[in-house]
Amino acid sequence: MLAVNYSTIRNRLKDYCDKVTDHYETVIVTRKDEKNVVIISLDEYNALMKAAKNAAYLDMLDRSMAQIARGEGKIHDLIEVDDE
């Protein structure tokens, strides 16, 4: 993980983008008033988003299983779909 100030990243953006994409680096861009940002590759971002969605889905399943364990489940008839 690299920490770089705003002026440096502005002057050498291509170099740091290459480090992020080619060497899997994470770059923290430090700015005034602690309004820092992080630069990561698109692949890393997509992996993080997938992990977050998976975690949310698994949490929903856990809550559903807990509801069933408490006897809060409901039985429904299946809906028949006509193939036309």
C-alpha atoms as a PDB file:
ATOM      1  CA  MET A   1       0.000   0.000   0.000  1.00  0.00           C
ATOM      2  CA  LEU A   2       1.331   3.376  -1.010  1.00  0.00           C
ATOM      3  CA  ALA A   3       0.424   6.774   0.436  1.00  0.00           C
ATOM      4  CA  VAL A   4       0.968   9.716  -1.893  1.00  0.00           C
ATOM      5  CA  ASN A   5      -0.016  13.346  -1.577  1.00  0.00           C
ATOM      6  CA  TYR A   6      -2.369  14.939  -4.076  1.00  0.00           C
ATOM      7  CA  SER A   7       0.299  16.989  -5.858  1.00  0.00           C
ATOM      8  CA  THR A   8       2.508  13.961  -6.463  1.00  0.00           C
ATOM      9  CA  ILE A   9      -0.319  11.828  -7.812  1.00  0.00           C
ATOM     10  CA  ARG A  10      -1.438  14.664 -10.089  1.00  0.00           C
ATOM     11  CA  ASN A  11       2.063  14.964 -11.562  1.00  0.00           C
ATOM     12  CA  ARG A  12       2.626  11.198 -11.934  1.00  0.00           C
ATOM     13  CA  LEU A  13      -0.867   9.776 -12.372  1.00  0.00           C
ATOM     14  CA  LYS A  14       0.072   7.345 -15.152  1.00  0.00           C
ATOM     15  CA  ASP A  15       2.926   5.883 -13.087  1.00  0.00           C
ATOM     16  CA  TYR A  16       0.668   5.273 -10.110  1.00  0.00           C
ATOM     17  CA  CYS A  17      -2.147   3.876 -12.260  1.00  0.00           C
ATOM     18  CA  ASP A  18       0.372   1.422 -13.714  1.00  0.00           C
ATOM     19  CA  LYS A  19       1.446   0.394 -10.203  1.00  0.00           C
ATOM     20  CA  VAL A  20      -2.177  -0.205  -9.263  1.00  0.00           C
ATOM     21  CA  THR A  21      -3.009  -2.283 -12.326  1.00  0.00           C
ATOM     22  CA  ASP A  22       0.302  -4.016 -13.028  1.00  0.00           C
ATOM     23  CA  HIS A  23       1.594  -4.617  -9.491  1.00  0.00           C
ATOM     24  CA  TYR A  24      -1.693  -4.852  -7.556  1.00  0.00           C
ATOM     25  CA  GLU A  25      -0.808  -1.846  -5.392  1.00  0.00           C
ATOM     26  CA  THR A  26      -3.350   0.170  -3.461  1.00  0.00           C
ATOM     27  CA  VAL A  27      -2.684   3.904  -3.486  1.00  0.00           C
ATOM     28  CA  ILE A  28      -3.986   6.246  -0.812  1.00  0.00           C
ATOM     29  CA  VAL A  29      -4.122   9.825  -2.045  1.00  0.00           C
ATOM     30  CA  THR A  30      -3.699  12.109   0.941  1.00  0.00           C
ATOM     31  CA  ARG A  31      -5.462  15.454   0.845  1.00  0.00           C
ATOM     32  CA  LYS A  32      -6.121  18.344   3.189  1.00  0.00           C
ATOM     33  CA  ASP A  33      -8.669  17.959   5.965  1.00  0.00           C
ATOM     34  CA  GLU A  34      -8.290  14.155   5.919  1.00  0.00           C
ATOM     35  CA  LYS A  35     -10.495  13.786   2.837  1.00  0.00           C
ATOM     36  CA  ASN A  36      -8.294  11.021   1.481  1.00  0.00           C
ATOM     37  CA  VAL A  37      -9.189   8.716  -1.386  1.00  0.00           C
ATOM     38  CA  VAL A  38      -8.042   5.255  -2.402  1.00  0.00           C
ATOM     39  CA  ILE A  39      -7.132   4.084  -5.887  1.00  0.00           C
ATOM     40  CA  ILE A  40      -7.553   0.379  -6.624  1.00  0.00           C
ATOM     41  CA  SER A  41      -7.775  -1.566  -9.859  1.00  0.00           C
ATOM     42  CA  LEU A  42     -11.126  -2.328 -11.450  1.00  0.00           C
ATOM     43  CA  ASP A  43     -10.518  -6.050 -10.851  1.00  0.00           C
ATOM     44  CA  GLU A  44      -9.984  -5.403  -7.128  1.00  0.00           C
ATOM     45  CA  TYR A  45     -13.062  -3.165  -6.984  1.00  0.00           C
ATOM     46  CA  ASN A  46     -15.192  -5.824  -8.691  1.00  0.00           C
ATOM     47  CA  ALA A  47     -13.915  -8.467  -6.263  1.00  0.00           C
ATOM     48  CA  LEU A  48     -14.788  -6.233  -3.299  1.00  0.00           C
ATOM     49  CA  MET A  49     -18.289  -5.566  -4.664  1.00  0.00           C
ATOM     50  CA  LYS A  50     -18.848  -9.288  -5.270  1.00  0.00           C
ATOM     51  CA  ALA A  51     -17.700 -10.106  -1.737  1.00  0.00           C
ATOM     52  CA  ALA A  52     -20.009  -7.453  -0.285  1.00  0.00           C
ATOM     53  CA  LYS A  53     -22.995  -8.773  -2.259  1.00  0.00           C
ATOM     54  CA  ASN A  54     -22.177 -12.343  -1.231  1.00  0.00           C
ATOM     55  CA  ALA A  55     -21.924 -11.289   2.422  1.00  0.00           C
ATOM     56  CA  ALA A  56     -25.293  -9.523   2.219  1.00  0.00           C
ATOM     57  CA  TYR A  57     -26.879 -12.573   0.592  1.00  0.00           C
ATOM     58  CA  LEU A  58     -25.444 -14.928   3.216  1.00  0.00           C
ATOM     59  CA  ASP A  59     -26.665 -12.597   5.976  1.00  0.00           C
ATOM     60  CA  MET A  60     -30.165 -12.700   4.472  1.00  0.00           C
ATOM     61  CA  LEU A  61     -30.023 -16.504   4.408  1.00  0.00           C
ATOM     62  CA  ASP A  62     -28.885 -16.574   8.054  1.00  0.00           C
ATOM     63  CA  ARG A  63     -31.792 -14.330   9.066  1.00  0.00           C
ATOM     64  CA  SER A  64     -34.219 -16.526   7.124  1.00  0.00           C
ATOM     65  CA  MET A  65     -32.908 -19.692   8.756  1.00  0.00           C
ATOM     66  CA  ALA A  66     -33.225 -18.059  12.194  1.00  0.00           C
ATOM     67  CA  GLN A  67     -36.843 -17.133  11.424  1.00  0.00           C
ATOM     68  CA  ILE A  68     -37.594 -20.727  10.426  1.00  0.00           C
ATOM     69  CA  ALA A  69     -35.886 -22.013  13.589  1.00  0.00           C
ATOM     70  CA  ARG A  70     -38.140 -19.714  15.647  1.00  0.00           C
ATOM     71  CA  GLY A  71     -41.207 -21.101  13.884  1.00  0.00           C
ATOM     72  CA  GLU A  72     -41.848 -17.902  11.963  1.00  0.00           C
ATOM     73  CA  GLY A  73     -41.858 -19.541   8.532  1.00  0.00           C
ATOM     74  CA  LYS A  74     -44.898 -19.513   6.274  1.00  0.00           C
ATOM     75  CA  ILE A  75     -46.131 -22.201   3.918  1.00  0.00           C
ATOM     76  CA  HIS A  76     -47.303 -21.099   0.483  1.00  0.00           C
ATOM     77  CA  ASP A  77     -48.725 -23.015  -2.460  1.00  0.00           C
ATOM     78  CA  LEU A  78     -46.571 -23.019  -5.537  1.00  0.00           C
ATOM     79  CA  ILE A  79     -47.731 -20.828  -8.369  1.00  0.00           C
ATOM     80  CA  GLU A  80     -48.336 -22.738 -11.580  1.00  0.00           C
ATOM     81  CA  VAL A  81     -47.129 -20.991 -14.725  1.00  0.00           C
ATOM     82  CA  ASP A  82     -48.800 -21.885 -18.009  1.00  0.00           C
ATOM     83  CA  ASP A  83     -46.392 -22.410 -20.887  1.00  0.00           C
ATOM     84  CA  GLU A  84     -47.916 -20.908 -24.003  1.00  0.00           C
END
